[in-house]
Amino acid sequence: MLSILAALFAGLIFGLGLILSGMGNPAKVLNFLDVFGTWDPSLALVMVGAIAVGLVAFTWAKRRKTALLGEPMQLPKATKIDTRLLLGSAMFGIGWGLAGFCPGPALMNLFTMHKEVVIFVVSMIVGMLLQQTWARK
């Protein structure tokens, strides 16, 4: 039960961060990516802040064997940059640039029930399922 409450609290903080940073607004994201048009560099500050928080958190986590709630620490072990990583990153970036959403903001905007958001989320889930099927082969 405590782990569920911790996950809920972490999700609420993440969602609040998305709202405060404007990442839930596709126009803000698309303007950030439109370097030769209506460029809005303010999202870069959000990214730098996220990198700083992640750097501190991962540095701290690497020194621990267990998480705060006592479960084994599970950190990514892969260090290789391969074709699979590059293709996945490219697909993520293309999807982000086309729709203005990445998974977190898309899920947050799902409650608006706008047609574009629903199509994005359904497509994202189908893509995840296809990737899992492909990875098992």
Foldseek 3Di string as FASTA:
>chain_A
DVVVVVVVVVLVVVVVLCVVQVLLPLVLLLLCVCPVDNHDVSVVVVVVVVVVVVVVVVVVLVVDQADPVGHGRDDDDDDDDDPVNVVVVVVQVVLCNVLSHHVSSLVVCVVVVDPSSVVSVVVVVVVVVVVVVVVVD
